[in-house]
ModelCIF file with pLDDT and N, C-alpha, C, O atoms, coordinates in Angstrom:
data_MODEL
#
_entry.id   MODEL 
#
_entity.id                         1 
_entity.type                       polymer 
_entity.pdbx_number_of_molecules   1 
#
_entity_poly.entity_id                      1 
_entity_poly.type                           'polypeptide(L)' 
_entity_poly.nstd_linkage                   no 
_entity_poly.nstd_monomer                   no 
_entity_poly.pdbx_seq_one_letter_code       
;(UNK)(UNK)(UNK)(UNK)(UNK)(UNK)(UNK)(UNK)(UNK)(UNK)(UNK)(UNK)(UNK)(UNK)(UNK)(UNK)
(UNK)(UNK)(UNK)(UNK)(UNK)(UNK)(UNK)(UNK)(UNK)(UNK)(UNK)(UNK)(UNK)(UNK)(UNK)(UNK)
(UNK)(UNK)(UNK)(UNK)(UNK)(UNK)(UNK)(UNK)(UNK)(UNK)(UNK)(UNK)(UNK)(UNK)(UNK)
;
_entity_poly.pdbx_seq_one_letter_code_can   XXXXXXXXXXXXXXXXXXXXXXXXXXXXXXXXXXXXXXXXXXXXXXX 
_entity_poly.pdbx_strand_id                 A 
#
loop_
_entity_poly_seq.entity_id 
_entity_poly_seq.num 
_entity_poly_seq.mon_id 
_entity_poly_seq.hetero 
1 1  UNK n 
1 2  UNK n 
1 3  UNK n 
1 4  UNK n 
1 5  UNK n 
1 6  UNK n 
1 7  UNK n 
1 8  UNK n 
1 9  UNK n 
1 10 UNK n 
1 11 UNK n 
1 12 UNK n 
1 13 UNK n 
1 14 UNK n 
1 15 UNK n 
1 16 UNK n 
1 17 UNK n 
1 18 UNK n 
1 19 UNK n 
1 20 UNK n 
1 21 UNK n 
1 22 UNK n 
1 23 UNK n 
1 24 UNK n 
1 25 UNK n 
1 26 UNK n 
1 27 UNK n 
1 28 UNK n 
1 29 UNK n 
1 30 UNK n 
1 31 UNK n 
1 32 UNK n 
1 33 UNK n 
1 34 UNK n 
1 35 UNK n 
1 36 UNK n 
1 37 UNK n 
1 38 UNK n 
1 39 UNK n 
1 40 UNK n 
1 41 UNK n 
1 42 UNK n 
1 43 UNK n 
1 44 UNK n 
1 45 UNK n 
1 46 UNK n 
1 47 UNK n 
#
_struct_asym.id          A 
_struct_asym.entity_id   1 
#
loop_
_ma_qa_metric.id 
_ma_qa_metric.mode 
_ma_qa_metric.name 
_ma_qa_metric.software_group_id 
_ma_qa_metric.type 
1 global pLDDT . pLDDT 
2 local  pLDDT . pLDDT 
#
_ma_qa_metric_global.metric_id      1 
_ma_qa_metric_global.metric_value   85.28 
_ma_qa_metric_global.model_id       1 
_ma_qa_metric_global.ordinal_id     1 
#
loop_
_ma_qa_metric_local.label_asym_id 
_ma_qa_metric_local.label_comp_id 
_ma_qa_metric_local.label_seq_id 
_ma_qa_metric_local.metric_id 
_ma_qa_metric_local.metric_value 
_ma_qa_metric_local.model_id 
_ma_qa_metric_local.ordinal_id 
A UNK 1  2 91.00 1 1  
A UNK 2  2 91.00 1 2  
A UNK 3  2 89.00 1 3  
A UNK 4  2 90.00 1 4  
A UNK 5  2 89.00 1 5  
A UNK 6  2 88.00 1 6  
A UNK 7  2 88.00 1 7  
A UNK 8  2 87.00 1 8  
A UNK 9  2 83.00 1 9  
A UNK 10 2 85.00 1 10 
A UNK 11 2 85.00 1 11 
A UNK 12 2 74.00 1 12 
A UNK 13 2 77.00 1 13 
A UNK 14 2 80.00 1 14 
A UNK 15 2 75.00 1 15 
A UNK 16 2 81.00 1 16 
A UNK 17 2 81.00 1 17 
A UNK 18 2 81.00 1 18 
A UNK 19 2 87.00 1 19 
A UNK 20 2 83.00 1 20 
A UNK 21 2 81.00 1 21 
A UNK 22 2 84.00 1 22 
A UNK 23 2 84.00 1 23 
A UNK 24 2 90.00 1 24 
A UNK 25 2 88.00 1 25 
A UNK 26 2 84.00 1 26 
A UNK 27 2 85.00 1 27 
A UNK 28 2 89.00 1 28 
A UNK 29 2 89.00 1 29 
A UNK 30 2 87.00 1 30 
A UNK 31 2 88.00 1 31 
A UNK 32 2 90.00 1 32 
A UNK 33 2 88.00 1 33 
A UNK 34 2 86.00 1 34 
A UNK 35 2 89.00 1 35 
A UNK 36 2 90.00 1 36 
A UNK 37 2 86.00 1 37 
A UNK 38 2 85.00 1 38 
A UNK 39 2 88.00 1 39 
A UNK 40 2 87.00 1 40 
A UNK 41 2 84.00 1 41 
A UNK 42 2 87.00 1 42 
A UNK 43 2 86.00 1 43 
A UNK 44 2 82.00 1 44 
A UNK 45 2 81.00 1 45 
A UNK 46 2 84.00 1 46 
A UNK 47 2 81.00 1 47 
#
loop_
_atom_site.group_PDB 
_atom_site.id 
_atom_site.type_symbol 
_atom_site.label_atom_id 
_atom_site.label_alt_id 
_atom_site.label_comp_id 
_atom_site.label_asym_id 
_atom_site.label_entity_id 
_atom_site.label_seq_id 
_atom_site.pdbx_PDB_ins_code 
_atom_site.Cartn_x 
_atom_site.Cartn_y 
_atom_site.Cartn_z 
_atom_site.occupancy 
_atom_site.B_iso_or_equiv 
_atom_site.pdbx_formal_charge 
_atom_site.auth_seq_id 
_atom_site.auth_comp_id 
_atom_site.auth_asym_id 
_atom_site.auth_atom_id 
_atom_site.pdbx_PDB_model_num 
ATOM 1   N N  . UNK A 1 1  ? 5.066   -4.802  0.630   1.00 91.00 ? 1  UNK A N  1 
ATOM 2   C CA . UNK A 1 1  ? 4.328   -3.271  0.406   1.00 91.00 ? 1  UNK A CA 1 
ATOM 3   C C  . UNK A 1 1  ? 5.519   -2.579  0.144   1.00 91.00 ? 1  UNK A C  1 
ATOM 4   O O  . UNK A 1 1  ? 5.633   -2.085  -0.977  1.00 91.00 ? 1  UNK A O  1 
ATOM 5   N N  . UNK A 1 2  ? 6.590   -2.421  1.096   1.00 91.00 ? 2  UNK A N  1 
ATOM 6   C CA . UNK A 1 2  ? 7.435   -1.465  1.044   1.00 91.00 ? 2  UNK A CA 1 
ATOM 7   C C  . UNK A 1 2  ? 8.491   -1.917  -0.205  1.00 91.00 ? 2  UNK A C  1 
ATOM 8   O O  . UNK A 1 2  ? 9.062   -0.827  -0.191  1.00 91.00 ? 2  UNK A O  1 
ATOM 9   N N  . UNK A 1 3  ? 8.954   -2.396  -0.896  1.00 89.00 ? 3  UNK A N  1 
ATOM 10  C CA . UNK A 1 3  ? 9.673   -3.091  -2.109  1.00 89.00 ? 3  UNK A CA 1 
ATOM 11  C C  . UNK A 1 3  ? 8.932   -2.552  -3.146  1.00 89.00 ? 3  UNK A C  1 
ATOM 12  O O  . UNK A 1 3  ? 9.474   -1.922  -4.054  1.00 89.00 ? 3  UNK A O  1 
ATOM 13  N N  . UNK A 1 4  ? 7.651   -2.759  -3.087  1.00 90.00 ? 4  UNK A N  1 
ATOM 14  C CA . UNK A 1 4  ? 6.540   -1.967  -4.208  1.00 90.00 ? 4  UNK A CA 1 
ATOM 15  C C  . UNK A 1 4  ? 6.288   -0.471  -4.318  1.00 90.00 ? 4  UNK A C  1 
ATOM 16  O O  . UNK A 1 4  ? 6.079   0.061   -5.408  1.00 90.00 ? 4  UNK A O  1 
ATOM 17  N N  . UNK A 1 5  ? 6.314   0.272   -3.043  1.00 89.00 ? 5  UNK A N  1 
ATOM 18  C CA . UNK A 1 5  ? 5.872   1.765   -2.946  1.00 89.00 ? 5  UNK A CA 1 
ATOM 19  C C  . UNK A 1 5  ? 7.324   2.009   -3.403  1.00 89.00 ? 5  UNK A C  1 
ATOM 20  O O  . UNK A 1 5  ? 7.386   2.714   -4.410  1.00 89.00 ? 5  UNK A O  1 
ATOM 21  N N  . UNK A 1 6  ? 8.642   1.551   -2.852  1.00 88.00 ? 6  UNK A N  1 
ATOM 22  C CA . UNK A 1 6  ? 10.047  2.180   -3.217  1.00 88.00 ? 6  UNK A CA 1 
ATOM 23  C C  . UNK A 1 6  ? 10.009  2.199   -4.958  1.00 88.00 ? 6  UNK A C  1 
ATOM 24  O O  . UNK A 1 6  ? 10.231  3.137   -5.724  1.00 88.00 ? 6  UNK A O  1 
ATOM 25  N N  . UNK A 1 7  ? 9.655   0.851   -5.231  1.00 88.00 ? 7  UNK A N  1 
ATOM 26  C CA . UNK A 1 7  ? 9.844   0.932   -6.712  1.00 88.00 ? 7  UNK A CA 1 
ATOM 27  C C  . UNK A 1 7  ? 8.803   1.695   -7.881  1.00 88.00 ? 7  UNK A C  1 
ATOM 28  O O  . UNK A 1 7  ? 9.059   2.206   -8.972  1.00 88.00 ? 7  UNK A O  1 
ATOM 29  N N  . UNK A 1 8  ? 7.603   1.533   -7.171  1.00 87.00 ? 8  UNK A N  1 
ATOM 30  C CA . UNK A 1 8  ? 6.633   2.684   -7.658  1.00 87.00 ? 8  UNK A CA 1 
ATOM 31  C C  . UNK A 1 8  ? 7.112   4.268   -7.652  1.00 87.00 ? 8  UNK A C  1 
ATOM 32  O O  . UNK A 1 8  ? 6.815   5.235   -8.353  1.00 87.00 ? 8  UNK A O  1 
ATOM 33  N N  . UNK A 1 9  ? 7.976   4.075   -6.550  1.00 83.00 ? 9  UNK A N  1 
ATOM 34  C CA . UNK A 1 9  ? 8.217   5.936   -6.473  1.00 83.00 ? 9  UNK A CA 1 
ATOM 35  C C  . UNK A 1 9  ? 9.656   6.022   -6.998  1.00 83.00 ? 9  UNK A C  1 
ATOM 36  O O  . UNK A 1 9  ? 10.159  7.085   -6.634  1.00 83.00 ? 9  UNK A O  1 
ATOM 37  N N  . UNK A 1 10 ? 10.401  5.351   -7.648  1.00 85.00 ? 10 UNK A N  1 
ATOM 38  C CA . UNK A 1 10 ? 11.850  5.278   -7.864  1.00 85.00 ? 10 UNK A CA 1 
ATOM 39  C C  . UNK A 1 10 ? 11.180  5.004   -9.653  1.00 85.00 ? 10 UNK A C  1 
ATOM 40  O O  . UNK A 1 10 ? 11.963  4.672   -10.543 1.00 85.00 ? 10 UNK A O  1 
ATOM 41  N N  . UNK A 1 11 ? 9.807   5.189   -9.908  1.00 85.00 ? 11 UNK A N  1 
ATOM 42  C CA . UNK A 1 11 ? 10.039  4.727   -12.032 1.00 85.00 ? 11 UNK A CA 1 
ATOM 43  C C  . UNK A 1 11 ? 10.029  6.119   -11.886 1.00 85.00 ? 11 UNK A C  1 
ATOM 44  O O  . UNK A 1 11 ? 9.788   6.439   -13.050 1.00 85.00 ? 11 UNK A O  1 
ATOM 45  N N  . UNK A 1 12 ? 10.127  7.214   -11.237 1.00 74.00 ? 12 UNK A N  1 
ATOM 46  C CA . UNK A 1 12 ? 9.586   8.733   -12.123 1.00 74.00 ? 12 UNK A CA 1 
ATOM 47  C C  . UNK A 1 12 ? 11.317  9.038   -12.541 1.00 74.00 ? 12 UNK A C  1 
ATOM 48  O O  . UNK A 1 12 ? 11.546  9.897   -13.393 1.00 74.00 ? 12 UNK A O  1 
ATOM 49  N N  . UNK A 1 13 ? 12.558  8.232   -11.846 1.00 77.00 ? 13 UNK A N  1 
ATOM 50  C CA . UNK A 1 13 ? 13.645  8.599   -12.284 1.00 77.00 ? 13 UNK A CA 1 
ATOM 51  C C  . UNK A 1 13 ? 13.779  8.033   -14.090 1.00 77.00 ? 13 UNK A C  1 
ATOM 52  O O  . UNK A 1 13 ? 14.685  8.309   -14.876 1.00 77.00 ? 13 UNK A O  1 
ATOM 53  N N  . UNK A 1 14 ? 12.580  7.207   -14.331 1.00 80.00 ? 14 UNK A N  1 
ATOM 54  C CA . UNK A 1 14 ? 12.948  6.689   -15.734 1.00 80.00 ? 14 UNK A CA 1 
ATOM 55  C C  . UNK A 1 14 ? 12.161  7.633   -16.689 1.00 80.00 ? 14 UNK A C  1 
ATOM 56  O O  . UNK A 1 14 ? 12.183  7.524   -17.915 1.00 80.00 ? 14 UNK A O  1 
ATOM 57  N N  . UNK A 1 15 ? 11.584  8.408   -16.113 1.00 75.00 ? 15 UNK A N  1 
ATOM 58  C CA . UNK A 1 15 ? 10.253  9.563   -16.986 1.00 75.00 ? 15 UNK A CA 1 
ATOM 59  C C  . UNK A 1 15 ? 8.606   9.160   -16.733 1.00 75.00 ? 15 UNK A C  1 
ATOM 60  O O  . UNK A 1 15 ? 7.625   9.853   -17.003 1.00 75.00 ? 15 UNK A O  1 
ATOM 61  N N  . UNK A 1 16 ? 8.645   7.957   -16.192 1.00 81.00 ? 16 UNK A N  1 
ATOM 62  C CA . UNK A 1 16 ? 7.301   7.172   -15.947 1.00 81.00 ? 16 UNK A CA 1 
ATOM 63  C C  . UNK A 1 16 ? 6.835   7.790   -15.380 1.00 81.00 ? 16 UNK A C  1 
ATOM 64  O O  . UNK A 1 16 ? 7.592   8.568   -14.799 1.00 81.00 ? 16 UNK A O  1 
ATOM 65  N N  . UNK A 1 17 ? 5.317   7.964   -15.082 1.00 81.00 ? 17 UNK A N  1 
ATOM 66  C CA . UNK A 1 17 ? 4.215   8.363   -14.058 1.00 81.00 ? 17 UNK A CA 1 
ATOM 67  C C  . UNK A 1 17 ? 4.322   7.637   -12.874 1.00 81.00 ? 17 UNK A C  1 
ATOM 68  O O  . UNK A 1 17 ? 4.241   6.452   -13.195 1.00 81.00 ? 17 UNK A O  1 
ATOM 69  N N  . UNK A 1 18 ? 4.491   7.763   -11.431 1.00 81.00 ? 18 UNK A N  1 
ATOM 70  C CA . UNK A 1 18 ? 4.900   6.920   -10.254 1.00 81.00 ? 18 UNK A CA 1 
ATOM 71  C C  . UNK A 1 18 ? 3.376   6.438   -10.118 1.00 81.00 ? 18 UNK A C  1 
ATOM 72  O O  . UNK A 1 18 ? 2.425   7.218   -10.062 1.00 81.00 ? 18 UNK A O  1 
ATOM 73  N N  . UNK A 1 19 ? 3.298   5.272   -10.082 1.00 87.00 ? 19 UNK A N  1 
ATOM 74  C CA . UNK A 1 19 ? 1.949   4.638   -9.870  1.00 87.00 ? 19 UNK A CA 1 
ATOM 75  C C  . UNK A 1 19 ? 1.102   5.267   -8.634  1.00 87.00 ? 19 UNK A C  1 
ATOM 76  O O  . UNK A 1 19 ? -0.063  5.665   -8.658  1.00 87.00 ? 19 UNK A O  1 
ATOM 77  N N  . UNK A 1 20 ? 2.047   5.243   -7.510  1.00 83.00 ? 20 UNK A N  1 
ATOM 78  C CA . UNK A 1 20 ? 1.555   5.975   -6.279  1.00 83.00 ? 20 UNK A CA 1 
ATOM 79  C C  . UNK A 1 20 ? 1.001   7.896   -6.611  1.00 83.00 ? 20 UNK A C  1 
ATOM 80  O O  . UNK A 1 20 ? 0.779   8.667   -5.677  1.00 83.00 ? 20 UNK A O  1 
ATOM 81  N N  . UNK A 1 21 ? 0.923   8.162   -7.591  1.00 81.00 ? 21 UNK A N  1 
ATOM 82  C CA . UNK A 1 21 ? 0.569   9.637   -8.060  1.00 81.00 ? 21 UNK A CA 1 
ATOM 83  C C  . UNK A 1 21 ? -0.995  9.105   -7.890  1.00 81.00 ? 21 UNK A C  1 
ATOM 84  O O  . UNK A 1 21 ? -1.743  9.720   -7.130  1.00 81.00 ? 21 UNK A O  1 
ATOM 85  N N  . UNK A 1 22 ? -1.395  8.119   -8.510  1.00 84.00 ? 22 UNK A N  1 
ATOM 86  C CA . UNK A 1 22 ? -2.801  7.963   -8.676  1.00 84.00 ? 22 UNK A CA 1 
ATOM 87  C C  . UNK A 1 22 ? -3.386  7.174   -7.257  1.00 84.00 ? 22 UNK A C  1 
ATOM 88  O O  . UNK A 1 22 ? -3.107  6.099   -6.726  1.00 84.00 ? 22 UNK A O  1 
ATOM 89  N N  . UNK A 1 23 ? -4.415  8.365   -6.905  1.00 84.00 ? 23 UNK A N  1 
ATOM 90  C CA . UNK A 1 23 ? -5.252  7.664   -5.455  1.00 84.00 ? 23 UNK A CA 1 
ATOM 91  C C  . UNK A 1 23 ? -5.500  6.370   -5.095  1.00 84.00 ? 23 UNK A C  1 
ATOM 92  O O  . UNK A 1 23 ? -5.315  5.661   -4.106  1.00 84.00 ? 23 UNK A O  1 
ATOM 93  N N  . UNK A 1 24 ? -6.197  6.220   -6.703  1.00 90.00 ? 24 UNK A N  1 
ATOM 94  C CA . UNK A 1 24 ? -6.858  4.467   -6.612  1.00 90.00 ? 24 UNK A CA 1 
ATOM 95  C C  . UNK A 1 24 ? -5.623  3.414   -5.884  1.00 90.00 ? 24 UNK A C  1 
ATOM 96  O O  . UNK A 1 24 ? -5.723  2.529   -5.034  1.00 90.00 ? 24 UNK A O  1 
ATOM 97  N N  . UNK A 1 25 ? -4.541  3.915   -6.579  1.00 88.00 ? 25 UNK A N  1 
ATOM 98  C CA . UNK A 1 25 ? -3.676  2.906   -5.695  1.00 88.00 ? 25 UNK A CA 1 
ATOM 99  C C  . UNK A 1 25 ? -3.004  3.060   -4.688  1.00 88.00 ? 25 UNK A C  1 
ATOM 100 O O  . UNK A 1 25 ? -2.316  2.140   -4.245  1.00 88.00 ? 25 UNK A O  1 
ATOM 101 N N  . UNK A 1 26 ? -3.071  4.388   -4.055  1.00 84.00 ? 26 UNK A N  1 
ATOM 102 C CA . UNK A 1 26 ? -2.639  4.930   -2.578  1.00 84.00 ? 26 UNK A CA 1 
ATOM 103 C C  . UNK A 1 26 ? -3.565  3.937   -1.635  1.00 84.00 ? 26 UNK A C  1 
ATOM 104 O O  . UNK A 1 26 ? -3.127  3.360   -0.639  1.00 84.00 ? 26 UNK A O  1 
ATOM 105 N N  . UNK A 1 27 ? -5.117  3.825   -2.195  1.00 85.00 ? 27 UNK A N  1 
ATOM 106 C CA . UNK A 1 27 ? -6.336  4.085   -1.489  1.00 85.00 ? 27 UNK A CA 1 
ATOM 107 C C  . UNK A 1 27 ? -6.384  2.306   -1.397  1.00 85.00 ? 27 UNK A C  1 
ATOM 108 O O  . UNK A 1 27 ? -7.122  1.729   -0.599  1.00 85.00 ? 27 UNK A O  1 
ATOM 109 N N  . UNK A 1 28 ? -5.676  1.748   -2.139  1.00 89.00 ? 28 UNK A N  1 
ATOM 110 C CA . UNK A 1 28 ? -6.189  0.311   -2.456  1.00 89.00 ? 28 UNK A CA 1 
ATOM 111 C C  . UNK A 1 28 ? -5.248  -0.230  -1.065  1.00 89.00 ? 28 UNK A C  1 
ATOM 112 O O  . UNK A 1 28 ? -5.477  -1.038  -0.165  1.00 89.00 ? 28 UNK A O  1 
ATOM 113 N N  . UNK A 1 29 ? -3.899  0.806   -1.455  1.00 89.00 ? 29 UNK A N  1 
ATOM 114 C CA . UNK A 1 29 ? -2.818  -0.378  -0.421  1.00 89.00 ? 29 UNK A CA 1 
ATOM 115 C C  . UNK A 1 29 ? -3.567  0.273   0.925   1.00 89.00 ? 29 UNK A C  1 
ATOM 116 O O  . UNK A 1 29 ? -4.190  -0.580  1.556   1.00 89.00 ? 29 UNK A O  1 
ATOM 117 N N  . UNK A 1 30 ? -3.619  1.469   1.420   1.00 87.00 ? 30 UNK A N  1 
ATOM 118 C CA . UNK A 1 30 ? -4.610  1.618   2.738   1.00 87.00 ? 30 UNK A CA 1 
ATOM 119 C C  . UNK A 1 30 ? -5.498  0.671   3.186   1.00 87.00 ? 30 UNK A C  1 
ATOM 120 O O  . UNK A 1 30 ? -5.456  -0.044  4.187   1.00 87.00 ? 30 UNK A O  1 
ATOM 121 N N  . UNK A 1 31 ? -6.500  0.791   2.096   1.00 88.00 ? 31 UNK A N  1 
ATOM 122 C CA . UNK A 1 31 ? -7.703  -0.478  2.533   1.00 88.00 ? 31 UNK A CA 1 
ATOM 123 C C  . UNK A 1 31 ? -6.904  -2.194  2.924   1.00 88.00 ? 31 UNK A C  1 
ATOM 124 O O  . UNK A 1 31 ? -7.328  -3.121  3.615   1.00 88.00 ? 31 UNK A O  1 
ATOM 125 N N  . UNK A 1 32 ? -5.676  -2.045  2.162   1.00 90.00 ? 32 UNK A N  1 
ATOM 126 C CA . UNK A 1 32 ? -5.387  -3.488  2.293   1.00 90.00 ? 32 UNK A CA 1 
ATOM 127 C C  . UNK A 1 32 ? -4.470  -3.481  3.907   1.00 90.00 ? 32 UNK A C  1 
ATOM 128 O O  . UNK A 1 32 ? -4.160  -4.377  4.692   1.00 90.00 ? 32 UNK A O  1 
ATOM 129 N N  . UNK A 1 33 ? -4.349  -2.626  3.892   1.00 88.00 ? 33 UNK A N  1 
ATOM 130 C CA . UNK A 1 33 ? -3.224  -2.314  5.617   1.00 88.00 ? 33 UNK A CA 1 
ATOM 131 C C  . UNK A 1 33 ? -4.321  -2.464  6.396   1.00 88.00 ? 33 UNK A C  1 
ATOM 132 O O  . UNK A 1 33 ? -4.497  -3.328  7.256   1.00 88.00 ? 33 UNK A O  1 
ATOM 133 N N  . UNK A 1 34 ? -5.263  -1.345  5.973   1.00 86.00 ? 34 UNK A N  1 
ATOM 134 C CA . UNK A 1 34 ? -6.186  -1.301  7.257   1.00 86.00 ? 34 UNK A CA 1 
ATOM 135 C C  . UNK A 1 34 ? -6.920  -2.953  7.435   1.00 86.00 ? 34 UNK A C  1 
ATOM 136 O O  . UNK A 1 34 ? -7.361  -3.335  8.520   1.00 86.00 ? 34 UNK A O  1 
ATOM 137 N N  . UNK A 1 35 ? -6.944  -3.672  6.378   1.00 89.00 ? 35 UNK A N  1 
ATOM 138 C CA . UNK A 1 35 ? -7.876  -4.966  6.912   1.00 89.00 ? 35 UNK A CA 1 
ATOM 139 C C  . UNK A 1 35 ? -6.670  -5.647  7.646   1.00 89.00 ? 35 UNK A C  1 
ATOM 140 O O  . UNK A 1 35 ? -6.935  -6.122  8.751   1.00 89.00 ? 35 UNK A O  1 
ATOM 141 N N  . UNK A 1 36 ? -5.576  -5.745  7.260   1.00 90.00 ? 36 UNK A N  1 
ATOM 142 C CA . UNK A 1 36 ? -4.224  -6.556  7.600   1.00 90.00 ? 36 UNK A CA 1 
ATOM 143 C C  . UNK A 1 36 ? -4.405  -6.123  9.369   1.00 90.00 ? 36 UNK A C  1 
ATOM 144 O O  . UNK A 1 36 ? -4.435  -6.956  10.274  1.00 90.00 ? 36 UNK A O  1 
ATOM 145 N N  . UNK A 1 37 ? -4.500  -4.762  9.528   1.00 86.00 ? 37 UNK A N  1 
ATOM 146 C CA . UNK A 1 37 ? -4.171  -4.219  10.767  1.00 86.00 ? 37 UNK A CA 1 
ATOM 147 C C  . UNK A 1 37 ? -5.363  -4.855  11.672  1.00 86.00 ? 37 UNK A C  1 
ATOM 148 O O  . UNK A 1 37 ? -4.894  -5.623  12.512  1.00 86.00 ? 37 UNK A O  1 
ATOM 149 N N  . UNK A 1 38 ? -6.761  -4.744  11.725  1.00 85.00 ? 38 UNK A N  1 
ATOM 150 C CA . UNK A 1 38 ? -7.870  -5.272  11.894  1.00 85.00 ? 38 UNK A CA 1 
ATOM 151 C C  . UNK A 1 38 ? -7.705  -6.421  11.990  1.00 85.00 ? 38 UNK A C  1 
ATOM 152 O O  . UNK A 1 38 ? -7.734  -6.754  13.175  1.00 85.00 ? 38 UNK A O  1 
ATOM 153 N N  . UNK A 1 39 ? -7.517  -7.345  11.230  1.00 88.00 ? 39 UNK A N  1 
ATOM 154 C CA . UNK A 1 39 ? -7.735  -8.899  11.064  1.00 88.00 ? 39 UNK A CA 1 
ATOM 155 C C  . UNK A 1 39 ? -6.360  -9.137  12.124  1.00 88.00 ? 39 UNK A C  1 
ATOM 156 O O  . UNK A 1 39 ? -6.487  -10.234 12.668  1.00 88.00 ? 39 UNK A O  1 
ATOM 157 N N  . UNK A 1 40 ? -5.014  -8.384  12.594  1.00 87.00 ? 40 UNK A N  1 
ATOM 158 C CA . UNK A 1 40 ? -4.068  -9.141  13.592  1.00 87.00 ? 40 UNK A CA 1 
ATOM 159 C C  . UNK A 1 40 ? -4.602  -8.750  14.657  1.00 87.00 ? 40 UNK A C  1 
ATOM 160 O O  . UNK A 1 40 ? -4.132  -9.263  15.672  1.00 87.00 ? 40 UNK A O  1 
ATOM 161 N N  . UNK A 1 41 ? -5.664  -7.804  14.835  1.00 84.00 ? 41 UNK A N  1 
ATOM 162 C CA . UNK A 1 41 ? -6.382  -7.590  15.952  1.00 84.00 ? 41 UNK A CA 1 
ATOM 163 C C  . UNK A 1 41 ? -7.446  -8.914  16.375  1.00 84.00 ? 41 UNK A C  1 
ATOM 164 O O  . UNK A 1 41 ? -7.503  -9.566  17.418  1.00 84.00 ? 41 UNK A O  1 
ATOM 165 N N  . UNK A 1 42 ? -7.908  -8.967  15.645  1.00 87.00 ? 42 UNK A N  1 
ATOM 166 C CA . UNK A 1 42 ? -9.150  -10.262 15.728  1.00 87.00 ? 42 UNK A CA 1 
ATOM 167 C C  . UNK A 1 42 ? -8.238  -11.394 16.140  1.00 87.00 ? 42 UNK A C  1 
ATOM 168 O O  . UNK A 1 42 ? -8.545  -12.298 16.918  1.00 87.00 ? 42 UNK A O  1 
ATOM 169 N N  . UNK A 1 43 ? -6.893  -11.210 15.427  1.00 86.00 ? 43 UNK A N  1 
ATOM 170 C CA . UNK A 1 43 ? -5.979  -12.775 15.459  1.00 86.00 ? 43 UNK A CA 1 
ATOM 171 C C  . UNK A 1 43 ? -6.094  -12.840 17.242  1.00 86.00 ? 43 UNK A C  1 
ATOM 172 O O  . UNK A 1 43 ? -6.694  -13.554 18.045  1.00 86.00 ? 43 UNK A O  1 
ATOM 173 N N  . UNK A 1 44 ? -5.044  -11.525 17.334  1.00 82.00 ? 44 UNK A N  1 
ATOM 174 C CA . UNK A 1 44 ? -4.502  -11.283 19.026  1.00 82.00 ? 44 UNK A CA 1 
ATOM 175 C C  . UNK A 1 44 ? -5.577  -11.319 19.739  1.00 82.00 ? 44 UNK A C  1 
ATOM 176 O O  . UNK A 1 44 ? -5.540  -11.936 20.803  1.00 82.00 ? 44 UNK A O  1 
ATOM 177 N N  . UNK A 1 45 ? -6.501  -10.819 19.418  1.00 81.00 ? 45 UNK A N  1 
ATOM 178 C CA . UNK A 1 45 ? -7.678  -10.447 21.172  1.00 81.00 ? 45 UNK A CA 1 
ATOM 179 C C  . UNK A 1 45 ? -9.014  -11.601 21.141  1.00 81.00 ? 45 UNK A C  1 
ATOM 180 O O  . UNK A 1 45 ? -9.777  -11.980 22.029  1.00 81.00 ? 45 UNK A O  1 
ATOM 181 N N  . UNK A 1 46 ? -8.904  -11.918 19.801  1.00 84.00 ? 46 UNK A N  1 
ATOM 182 C CA . UNK A 1 46 ? -10.538 -12.859 19.139  1.00 84.00 ? 46 UNK A CA 1 
ATOM 183 C C  . UNK A 1 46 ? -11.296 -12.268 19.037  1.00 84.00 ? 46 UNK A C  1 
ATOM 184 O O  . UNK A 1 46 ? -11.031 -11.143 19.462  1.00 84.00 ? 46 UNK A O  1 
ATOM 185 N N  . UNK A 1 47 ? -12.863 -12.423 18.424  1.00 81.00 ? 47 UNK A N  1 
ATOM 186 C CA . UNK A 1 47 ? -13.548 -11.712 18.002  1.00 81.00 ? 47 UNK A CA 1 
ATOM 187 C C  . UNK A 1 47 ? -14.299 -10.432 19.337  1.00 81.00 ? 47 UNK A C  1 
ATOM 188 O O  . UNK A 1 47 ? -15.097 -9.565  18.980  1.00 81.00 ? 47 UNK A O  1 
#
């Protein structure tokens, strides 16, 4: 995710619109991250 966001933000140098400027991209990254966060809680503490 760090590499993806870093490269997505650097695309602006080449004159392209950064994908992270679209709220759908940032929302999907946030949703994936929150699923992983909650999953890590389930794996560590049990249901």
